[in-house]
């Protein structure tokens, strides 16, 4: 797989993630969960733009640009920690859980893809690309954590004790 192929796949993943969050946030009943999906939608859009800049630079200059990574996105994590989950009917929470579980799988897939792509970039001797892919992986790991925490809160709120937590 070439660098261009890796970046095309990454861009398509991010676009599809954006579309998923845009559509599903309208179905979510819980306000906090809806805000998180909107946040993730915006992040996937930013990731897409980030990847497009890299692809454009490669196309025009045959260089992987030094793109400054914005690590200030943790502000949402702080808001999430202080905001209580609102009271919604358990039926709505269970519907929300199915969407959040899909989101979790998507984000885990992104982490896995970026991890493998970073390893491939290293094999190709593309240190800059490896760093970019590792940054994307870190961002997606943050998304996994965020969705996992929300799922846990919904489980706790509804006293859903299945004796195991199937999504870790």
N, C-alpha and C. Protein backbone atom coordinates (compact mmCIF):
# COMPACT_ATOMS: atom_id res chain seq x y z
N UNK A 1 0.85 -1.18 0.00
CA UNK A 1 0.00 0.00 0.00
C UNK A 1 0.90 1.24 0.00
N UNK A 2 0.64 2.16 -0.91
CA UNK A 2 1.44 3.38 -1.02
C UNK A 2 0.97 4.43 -0.01
N UNK A 3 1.78 5.47 0.13
CA UNK A 3 1.41 6.58 1.01
C UNK A 3 0.09 7.19 0.55
N UNK A 4 -0.04 7.39 -0.76
CA UNK A 4 -1.28 7.97 -1.30
C UNK A 4 -2.48 7.08 -0.98
N UNK A 5 -2.30 5.77 -1.10
CA UNK A 5 -3.39 4.84 -0.77
C UNK A 5 -3.78 4.94 0.70
N UNK A 6 -2.78 4.99 1.56
CA UNK A 6 -3.03 5.10 3.00
C UNK A 6 -3.84 6.37 3.28
N UNK A 7 -3.42 7.48 2.68
CA UNK A 7 -4.10 8.75 2.93
C UNK A 7 -5.50 8.78 2.32
N UNK A 8 -5.70 8.15 1.18
CA UNK A 8 -7.05 8.08 0.58
C UNK A 8 -7.99 7.30 1.49
N UNK A 9 -7.52 6.17 1.99
CA UNK A 9 -8.35 5.36 2.90
C UNK A 9 -8.65 6.15 4.17
N UNK A 10 -7.62 6.80 4.72
CA UNK A 10 -7.82 7.60 5.93
C UNK A 10 -8.85 8.69 5.70
N UNK A 11 -8.74 9.39 4.58
CA UNK A 11 -9.69 10.45 4.27
C UNK A 11 -11.11 9.90 4.15
N UNK A 12 -11.25 8.78 3.46
CA UNK A 12 -12.58 8.18 3.31
C UNK A 12 -13.15 7.73 4.65
N UNK A 13 -12.31 7.17 5.52
CA UNK A 13 -12.78 6.78 6.86
C UNK A 13 -13.31 7.99 7.60
N UNK A 14 -12.56 9.07 7.57
CA UNK A 14 -12.96 10.28 8.29
C UNK A 14 -14.25 10.87 7.72
N UNK A 15 -14.39 10.86 6.40
CA UNK A 15 -15.62 11.35 5.77
C UNK A 15 -16.82 10.51 6.21
N UNK A 16 -16.65 9.20 6.20
CA UNK A 16 -17.75 8.32 6.60
C UNK A 16 -18.07 8.48 8.08
N UNK A 17 -17.04 8.70 8.91
CA UNK A 17 -17.28 8.97 10.33
C UNK A 17 -18.09 10.24 10.50
N UNK A 18 -17.73 11.28 9.76
CA UNK A 18 -18.46 12.55 9.78
C UNK A 18 -19.93 12.32 9.42
N UNK A 19 -20.17 11.59 8.35
CA UNK A 19 -21.55 11.32 7.90
C UNK A 19 -22.34 10.55 8.96
N UNK A 20 -21.68 9.55 9.57
CA UNK A 20 -22.33 8.76 10.61
C UNK A 20 -22.78 9.65 11.76
N UNK A 21 -21.85 10.47 12.29
CA UNK A 21 -22.18 11.32 13.43
C UNK A 21 -23.23 12.36 13.07
N UNK A 22 -23.16 12.89 11.88
CA UNK A 22 -24.14 13.89 11.45
C UNK A 22 -25.55 13.29 11.42
N UNK A 23 -25.67 12.08 10.90
CA UNK A 23 -26.98 11.43 10.82
C UNK A 23 -27.46 10.96 12.19
N UNK A 24 -26.60 10.33 12.93
CA UNK A 24 -27.02 9.70 14.19
C UNK A 24 -27.26 10.69 15.32
N UNK A 25 -26.63 11.85 15.27
CA UNK A 25 -26.86 12.81 16.37
C UNK A 25 -28.31 13.25 16.41
N UNK A 26 -29.00 13.18 15.27
CA UNK A 26 -30.41 13.54 15.22
C UNK A 26 -31.29 12.49 15.89
N UNK A 27 -30.80 11.27 15.99
CA UNK A 27 -31.57 10.17 16.59
C UNK A 27 -31.36 10.05 18.10
N UNK A 28 -30.28 10.61 18.59
CA UNK A 28 -29.92 10.49 20.00
C UNK A 28 -30.87 11.33 20.85
N UNK A 29 -31.34 10.76 21.94
CA UNK A 29 -32.28 11.45 22.82
C UNK A 29 -31.58 12.23 23.93
N UNK A 30 -30.50 11.68 24.44
CA UNK A 30 -29.80 12.29 25.56
C UNK A 30 -28.99 13.49 25.08
N UNK A 31 -29.17 14.62 25.75
CA UNK A 31 -28.52 15.88 25.34
C UNK A 31 -27.00 15.77 25.34
N UNK A 32 -26.43 15.22 26.40
CA UNK A 32 -24.98 15.09 26.49
C UNK A 32 -24.46 14.17 25.37
N UNK A 33 -25.14 13.08 25.13
CA UNK A 33 -24.72 12.16 24.06
C UNK A 33 -24.79 12.86 22.70
N UNK A 34 -25.82 13.66 22.50
CA UNK A 34 -25.97 14.41 21.24
C UNK A 34 -24.82 15.41 21.08
N UNK A 35 -24.47 16.08 22.17
CA UNK A 35 -23.34 17.02 22.13
C UNK A 35 -22.04 16.30 21.80
N UNK A 36 -21.86 15.12 22.35
CA UNK A 36 -20.64 14.36 22.08
C UNK A 36 -20.59 13.93 20.62
N UNK A 37 -21.72 13.48 20.09
CA UNK A 37 -21.74 13.10 18.67
C UNK A 37 -21.46 14.31 17.77
N UNK A 38 -21.98 15.47 18.16
CA UNK A 38 -21.70 16.67 17.38
C UNK A 38 -20.22 17.04 17.47
N UNK A 39 -19.64 16.91 18.65
CA UNK A 39 -18.21 17.14 18.82
C UNK A 39 -17.41 16.19 17.94
N UNK A 40 -17.77 14.90 17.96
CA UNK A 40 -17.06 13.91 17.15
C UNK A 40 -17.24 14.19 15.65
N UNK A 41 -18.43 14.63 15.26
CA UNK A 41 -18.67 15.01 13.87
C UNK A 41 -17.69 16.11 13.45
N UNK A 42 -17.57 17.13 14.28
CA UNK A 42 -16.66 18.24 13.98
C UNK A 42 -15.21 17.79 13.95
N UNK A 43 -14.85 16.88 14.85
CA UNK A 43 -13.48 16.38 14.86
C UNK A 43 -13.18 15.58 13.59
N UNK A 44 -14.13 14.77 13.14
CA UNK A 44 -13.89 14.00 11.91
C UNK A 44 -13.74 14.94 10.72
N UNK A 45 -14.48 16.04 10.73
CA UNK A 45 -14.33 17.04 9.66
C UNK A 45 -12.92 17.65 9.70
N UNK A 46 -12.46 17.97 10.91
CA UNK A 46 -11.10 18.52 11.05
C UNK A 46 -10.05 17.51 10.59
N UNK A 47 -10.26 16.24 10.92
CA UNK A 47 -9.32 15.20 10.50
C UNK A 47 -9.28 15.11 8.97
N UNK A 48 -10.45 15.21 8.35
CA UNK A 48 -10.52 15.16 6.89
C UNK A 48 -9.73 16.31 6.28
N UNK A 49 -9.93 17.50 6.81
CA UNK A 49 -9.21 18.68 6.30
C UNK A 49 -7.70 18.53 6.51
N UNK A 50 -7.32 18.00 7.64
CA UNK A 50 -5.92 17.75 7.97
C UNK A 50 -5.29 16.81 6.93
N UNK A 51 -5.98 15.72 6.65
CA UNK A 51 -5.49 14.73 5.68
C UNK A 51 -5.44 15.33 4.28
N UNK A 52 -6.43 16.13 3.94
CA UNK A 52 -6.43 16.77 2.61
C UNK A 52 -5.24 17.71 2.43
N UNK A 53 -4.87 18.43 3.48
CA UNK A 53 -3.69 19.30 3.40
C UNK A 53 -2.44 18.49 3.12
N UNK A 54 -2.34 17.36 3.77
CA UNK A 54 -1.17 16.50 3.58
C UNK A 54 -1.16 15.97 2.14
N UNK A 55 -2.30 15.50 1.68
CA UNK A 55 -2.37 14.96 0.30
C UNK A 55 -2.04 16.03 -0.73
N UNK A 56 -2.54 17.24 -0.50
CA UNK A 56 -2.27 18.33 -1.44
C UNK A 56 -0.77 18.65 -1.49
N UNK A 57 -0.15 18.71 -0.34
CA UNK A 57 1.28 18.99 -0.29
C UNK A 57 2.08 17.90 -0.99
N UNK A 58 1.67 16.67 -0.79
CA UNK A 58 2.35 15.55 -1.46
C UNK A 58 2.20 15.67 -2.98
N UNK A 59 1.00 16.02 -3.39
CA UNK A 59 0.71 16.14 -4.83
C UNK A 59 1.49 17.29 -5.46
N UNK A 60 1.53 18.43 -4.78
CA UNK A 60 2.16 19.63 -5.34
C UNK A 60 3.67 19.64 -5.17
N UNK A 61 4.16 19.20 -4.02
CA UNK A 61 5.59 19.33 -3.71
C UNK A 61 6.30 18.00 -3.51
N UNK A 62 5.54 16.92 -3.56
CA UNK A 62 6.07 15.59 -3.26
C UNK A 62 6.73 15.56 -1.87
N UNK A 63 6.15 16.33 -0.95
CA UNK A 63 6.65 16.40 0.42
C UNK A 63 5.52 16.20 1.41
N UNK A 64 5.86 15.60 2.51
CA UNK A 64 4.92 15.50 3.62
C UNK A 64 5.14 16.72 4.49
N UNK A 65 4.14 17.57 4.61
CA UNK A 65 4.35 18.82 5.35
C UNK A 65 4.45 18.59 6.84
N UNK A 66 5.08 19.54 7.49
CA UNK A 66 5.07 19.54 8.95
C UNK A 66 3.78 20.23 9.36
N UNK A 67 2.83 19.45 9.77
CA UNK A 67 1.54 19.99 10.16
C UNK A 67 1.51 20.06 11.67
N UNK A 68 1.21 21.24 12.18
CA UNK A 68 1.16 21.41 13.63
C UNK A 68 -0.12 20.76 14.14
N UNK A 69 0.05 19.94 15.14
CA UNK A 69 -1.07 19.19 15.70
C UNK A 69 -1.68 19.99 16.83
N UNK A 70 -3.00 20.15 16.76
CA UNK A 70 -3.72 20.86 17.81
C UNK A 70 -4.07 19.86 18.91
N UNK A 71 -3.44 20.02 20.04
CA UNK A 71 -3.70 19.11 21.16
C UNK A 71 -4.59 19.76 22.21
N UNK A 72 -5.27 20.84 21.83
CA UNK A 72 -6.11 21.56 22.80
C UNK A 72 -7.54 21.02 22.84
N UNK A 73 -7.80 19.92 22.18
CA UNK A 73 -9.16 19.40 22.10
C UNK A 73 -9.63 18.74 23.39
N UNK A 74 -8.80 18.73 24.41
CA UNK A 74 -9.20 18.10 25.66
C UNK A 74 -10.21 18.95 26.44
N UNK A 75 -10.46 20.19 25.97
CA UNK A 75 -11.42 21.03 26.67
C UNK A 75 -12.78 20.33 26.76
N UNK A 76 -13.14 19.56 25.74
CA UNK A 76 -14.43 18.89 25.75
C UNK A 76 -14.45 17.80 26.82
N UNK A 77 -13.30 17.14 27.02
CA UNK A 77 -13.22 16.13 28.07
C UNK A 77 -13.55 16.73 29.43
N UNK A 78 -13.04 17.95 29.68
CA UNK A 78 -13.30 18.60 30.96
C UNK A 78 -14.79 18.92 31.11
N UNK A 79 -15.40 19.41 30.05
CA UNK A 79 -16.83 19.71 30.08
C UNK A 79 -17.61 18.42 30.35
N UNK A 80 -17.21 17.35 29.69
CA UNK A 80 -17.87 16.06 29.83
C UNK A 80 -17.81 15.57 31.27
N UNK A 81 -16.65 15.73 31.90
CA UNK A 81 -16.47 15.24 33.27
C UNK A 81 -17.37 15.97 34.26
N UNK A 82 -17.64 17.26 34.01
CA UNK A 82 -18.43 18.03 34.96
C UNK A 82 -19.92 18.00 34.66
N UNK A 83 -20.30 17.62 33.47
CA UNK A 83 -21.71 17.63 33.09
C UNK A 83 -22.38 16.32 33.46
N UNK A 84 -23.48 16.44 34.13
CA UNK A 84 -24.23 15.24 34.51
C UNK A 84 -25.08 14.77 33.33
N UNK A 85 -25.29 13.48 33.29
CA UNK A 85 -26.14 12.91 32.25
C UNK A 85 -27.58 13.19 32.65
N UNK A 86 -28.36 13.66 31.70
CA UNK A 86 -29.73 14.06 32.03
C UNK A 86 -30.63 12.85 32.22
N UNK A 87 -31.73 13.08 32.88
CA UNK A 87 -32.70 12.03 33.11
C UNK A 87 -33.52 11.86 31.83
N UNK A 88 -33.42 10.68 31.27
CA UNK A 88 -34.21 10.32 30.09
C UNK A 88 -34.78 8.93 30.35
N UNK A 89 -35.87 8.60 29.68
CA UNK A 89 -36.42 7.26 29.88
C UNK A 89 -35.41 6.19 29.51
N UNK A 90 -35.42 5.09 30.23
CA UNK A 90 -34.45 4.03 29.97
C UNK A 90 -34.58 3.48 28.55
N UNK A 91 -35.81 3.53 27.98
CA UNK A 91 -35.99 3.08 26.59
C UNK A 91 -35.15 3.93 25.64
N UNK A 92 -35.13 5.25 25.90
CA UNK A 92 -34.32 6.15 25.08
C UNK A 92 -32.83 5.86 25.27
N UNK A 93 -32.45 5.61 26.53
CA UNK A 93 -31.04 5.31 26.80
C UNK A 93 -30.60 4.05 26.06
N UNK A 94 -31.46 3.06 26.04
CA UNK A 94 -31.10 1.82 25.35
C UNK A 94 -30.98 2.04 23.84
N UNK A 95 -31.82 2.88 23.27
CA UNK A 95 -31.69 3.23 21.85
C UNK A 95 -30.39 3.99 21.62
N UNK A 96 -30.10 4.93 22.52
CA UNK A 96 -28.85 5.70 22.41
C UNK A 96 -27.64 4.78 22.51
N UNK A 97 -27.74 3.77 23.38
CA UNK A 97 -26.62 2.84 23.55
C UNK A 97 -26.26 2.14 22.24
N UNK A 98 -27.26 1.78 21.46
CA UNK A 98 -26.94 1.08 20.21
C UNK A 98 -26.16 1.99 19.27
N UNK A 99 -26.51 3.26 19.23
CA UNK A 99 -25.77 4.22 18.39
C UNK A 99 -24.37 4.43 18.95
N UNK A 100 -24.27 4.56 20.25
CA UNK A 100 -22.96 4.78 20.87
C UNK A 100 -22.05 3.57 20.71
N UNK A 101 -22.61 2.37 20.73
CA UNK A 101 -21.80 1.17 20.50
C UNK A 101 -21.27 1.17 19.07
N UNK A 102 -22.09 1.60 18.10
CA UNK A 102 -21.60 1.72 16.72
C UNK A 102 -20.47 2.75 16.64
N UNK A 103 -20.65 3.87 17.33
CA UNK A 103 -19.62 4.92 17.35
C UNK A 103 -18.32 4.36 17.94
N UNK A 104 -18.44 3.58 18.99
CA UNK A 104 -17.27 2.99 19.62
C UNK A 104 -16.53 2.07 18.65
N UNK A 105 -17.27 1.26 17.93
CA UNK A 105 -16.64 0.37 16.95
C UNK A 105 -15.95 1.15 15.84
N UNK A 106 -16.58 2.21 15.38
CA UNK A 106 -15.98 3.06 14.35
C UNK A 106 -14.67 3.64 14.85
N UNK A 107 -14.68 4.20 16.05
CA UNK A 107 -13.48 4.82 16.59
C UNK A 107 -12.38 3.79 16.84
N UNK A 108 -12.75 2.62 17.30
CA UNK A 108 -11.74 1.56 17.49
C UNK A 108 -11.15 1.14 16.15
N UNK A 109 -11.98 1.07 15.12
CA UNK A 109 -11.47 0.76 13.77
C UNK A 109 -10.48 1.82 13.31
N UNK A 110 -10.79 3.08 13.58
CA UNK A 110 -9.88 4.17 13.20
C UNK A 110 -8.53 4.00 13.91
N UNK A 111 -8.57 3.71 15.21
CA UNK A 111 -7.34 3.52 15.98
C UNK A 111 -6.51 2.40 15.35
N UNK A 112 -7.17 1.30 15.06
CA UNK A 112 -6.49 0.13 14.49
C UNK A 112 -5.89 0.48 13.12
N UNK A 113 -6.66 1.16 12.28
CA UNK A 113 -6.17 1.54 10.96
C UNK A 113 -4.94 2.44 11.08
N UNK A 114 -5.04 3.49 11.90
CA UNK A 114 -3.92 4.43 12.01
C UNK A 114 -2.68 3.76 12.61
N UNK A 115 -2.88 2.82 13.51
CA UNK A 115 -1.75 2.09 14.07
C UNK A 115 -1.04 1.29 12.98
N UNK A 116 -1.81 0.54 12.20
CA UNK A 116 -1.22 -0.27 11.12
C UNK A 116 -0.62 0.62 10.03
N UNK A 117 -1.28 1.71 9.72
CA UNK A 117 -0.78 2.62 8.69
C UNK A 117 0.53 3.28 9.15
N UNK A 118 0.63 3.62 10.43
CA UNK A 118 1.87 4.21 10.95
C UNK A 118 3.01 3.21 10.85
N UNK A 119 2.73 1.96 11.14
CA UNK A 119 3.75 0.92 11.01
C UNK A 119 4.18 0.77 9.55
N UNK A 120 3.22 0.84 8.64
CA UNK A 120 3.54 0.75 7.21
C UNK A 120 4.38 1.95 6.78
N UNK A 121 4.05 3.13 7.25
CA UNK A 121 4.82 4.33 6.93
C UNK A 121 6.26 4.18 7.42
N UNK A 122 6.41 3.59 8.59
CA UNK A 122 7.76 3.36 9.12
C UNK A 122 8.53 2.41 8.21
N UNK A 123 7.85 1.33 7.76
CA UNK A 123 8.49 0.39 6.85
C UNK A 123 8.93 1.07 5.56
N UNK A 124 8.14 2.07 5.11
CA UNK A 124 8.46 2.79 3.89
C UNK A 124 9.49 3.90 4.12
N UNK A 125 9.92 4.06 5.37
CA UNK A 125 10.91 5.07 5.69
C UNK A 125 10.36 6.48 5.69
N UNK A 126 9.08 6.64 5.94
CA UNK A 126 8.41 7.95 5.94
C UNK A 126 8.13 8.37 7.37
N UNK A 127 9.16 8.92 8.01
CA UNK A 127 9.05 9.30 9.42
C UNK A 127 7.96 10.35 9.67
N UNK A 128 7.89 11.36 8.78
CA UNK A 128 6.90 12.43 8.95
C UNK A 128 5.48 11.88 8.86
N UNK A 129 5.26 10.98 7.90
CA UNK A 129 3.94 10.38 7.75
C UNK A 129 3.61 9.53 8.97
N UNK A 130 4.59 8.80 9.46
CA UNK A 130 4.37 7.97 10.66
C UNK A 130 3.90 8.85 11.82
N UNK A 131 4.56 10.00 12.00
CA UNK A 131 4.18 10.91 13.08
C UNK A 131 2.75 11.42 12.90
N UNK A 132 2.40 11.77 11.67
CA UNK A 132 1.05 12.26 11.38
C UNK A 132 0.02 11.18 11.70
N UNK A 133 0.29 9.96 11.27
CA UNK A 133 -0.65 8.85 11.51
C UNK A 133 -0.74 8.52 13.01
N UNK A 134 0.37 8.63 13.71
CA UNK A 134 0.33 8.39 15.15
C UNK A 134 -0.47 9.48 15.87
N UNK A 135 -0.39 10.72 15.37
CA UNK A 135 -1.21 11.79 15.95
C UNK A 135 -2.69 11.50 15.73
N UNK A 136 -3.04 11.10 14.52
CA UNK A 136 -4.43 10.76 14.23
C UNK A 136 -4.89 9.60 15.14
N UNK A 137 -4.02 8.63 15.33
CA UNK A 137 -4.34 7.51 16.21
C UNK A 137 -4.63 8.01 17.63
N UNK A 138 -3.79 8.93 18.13
CA UNK A 138 -3.99 9.46 19.48
C UNK A 138 -5.33 10.18 19.59
N UNK A 139 -5.66 10.96 18.57
CA UNK A 139 -6.95 11.65 18.58
C UNK A 139 -8.08 10.63 18.66
N UNK A 140 -7.99 9.59 17.84
CA UNK A 140 -9.06 8.58 17.82
C UNK A 140 -9.11 7.82 19.14
N UNK A 141 -7.97 7.59 19.78
CA UNK A 141 -7.97 6.95 21.09
C UNK A 141 -8.73 7.81 22.10
N UNK A 142 -8.60 9.12 21.98
CA UNK A 142 -9.37 10.02 22.84
C UNK A 142 -10.86 9.88 22.60
N UNK A 143 -11.23 9.69 21.33
CA UNK A 143 -12.64 9.50 21.00
C UNK A 143 -13.16 8.20 21.59
N UNK A 144 -12.36 7.14 21.52
CA UNK A 144 -12.75 5.85 22.11
C UNK A 144 -13.02 6.04 23.60
N UNK A 145 -12.11 6.72 24.27
CA UNK A 145 -12.25 6.95 25.71
C UNK A 145 -13.53 7.73 26.01
N UNK A 146 -13.79 8.77 25.24
CA UNK A 146 -14.97 9.60 25.45
C UNK A 146 -16.26 8.78 25.29
N UNK A 147 -16.35 8.01 24.22
CA UNK A 147 -17.56 7.21 23.97
C UNK A 147 -17.68 6.12 25.03
N UNK A 148 -16.58 5.50 25.39
CA UNK A 148 -16.60 4.46 26.45
C UNK A 148 -17.13 5.03 27.76
N UNK A 149 -16.67 6.22 28.12
CA UNK A 149 -17.12 6.83 29.37
C UNK A 149 -18.61 7.13 29.33
N UNK A 150 -19.10 7.60 28.21
CA UNK A 150 -20.53 7.88 28.09
C UNK A 150 -21.34 6.60 28.18
N UNK A 151 -20.90 5.56 27.52
CA UNK A 151 -21.59 4.27 27.61
C UNK A 151 -21.63 3.80 29.06
N UNK A 152 -20.52 3.92 29.75
CA UNK A 152 -20.47 3.51 31.16
C UNK A 152 -21.46 4.30 32.00
N UNK A 153 -21.54 5.61 31.76
CA UNK A 153 -22.49 6.45 32.51
C UNK A 153 -23.93 6.02 32.27
N UNK A 154 -24.25 5.70 31.04
CA UNK A 154 -25.62 5.27 30.74
C UNK A 154 -25.91 3.94 31.42
N UNK A 155 -24.93 3.04 31.42
CA UNK A 155 -25.10 1.78 32.12
C UNK A 155 -25.34 2.01 33.61
N UNK A 156 -24.52 2.87 34.20
CA UNK A 156 -24.66 3.16 35.63
C UNK A 156 -26.00 3.81 35.94
N UNK A 157 -26.39 4.78 35.11
CA UNK A 157 -27.63 5.52 35.32
C UNK A 157 -28.84 4.57 35.33
N UNK A 158 -28.80 3.59 34.49
CA UNK A 158 -29.92 2.66 34.37
C UNK A 158 -29.73 1.39 35.18
N UNK A 159 -28.68 1.37 35.98
CA UNK A 159 -28.37 0.19 36.79
C UNK A 159 -28.34 -1.07 35.94
N UNK A 160 -27.72 -0.93 34.79
CA UNK A 160 -27.58 -2.09 33.90
C UNK A 160 -26.35 -2.87 34.32
N UNK A 161 -26.59 -3.91 35.05
CA UNK A 161 -25.48 -4.74 35.49
C UNK A 161 -25.63 -6.10 34.82
N UNK A 162 -24.86 -6.28 33.75
CA UNK A 162 -24.94 -7.53 33.03
C UNK A 162 -23.91 -8.53 33.55
N UNK A 163 -23.16 -8.10 34.55
CA UNK A 163 -22.14 -8.99 35.09
C UNK A 163 -20.85 -8.91 34.27
N UNK A 164 -20.89 -8.14 33.19
CA UNK A 164 -19.70 -7.94 32.36
C UNK A 164 -19.93 -6.67 31.57
N UNK A 165 -18.85 -6.14 31.03
CA UNK A 165 -18.94 -4.95 30.19
C UNK A 165 -18.43 -5.34 28.81
N UNK A 166 -19.34 -5.61 27.87
CA UNK A 166 -18.94 -6.23 26.60
C UNK A 166 -18.20 -5.33 25.63
N UNK A 167 -17.99 -4.07 25.92
CA UNK A 167 -17.46 -3.17 24.91
C UNK A 167 -16.04 -2.72 25.17
N UNK A 168 -15.36 -3.29 26.12
CA UNK A 168 -13.98 -2.85 26.40
C UNK A 168 -13.01 -3.57 25.52
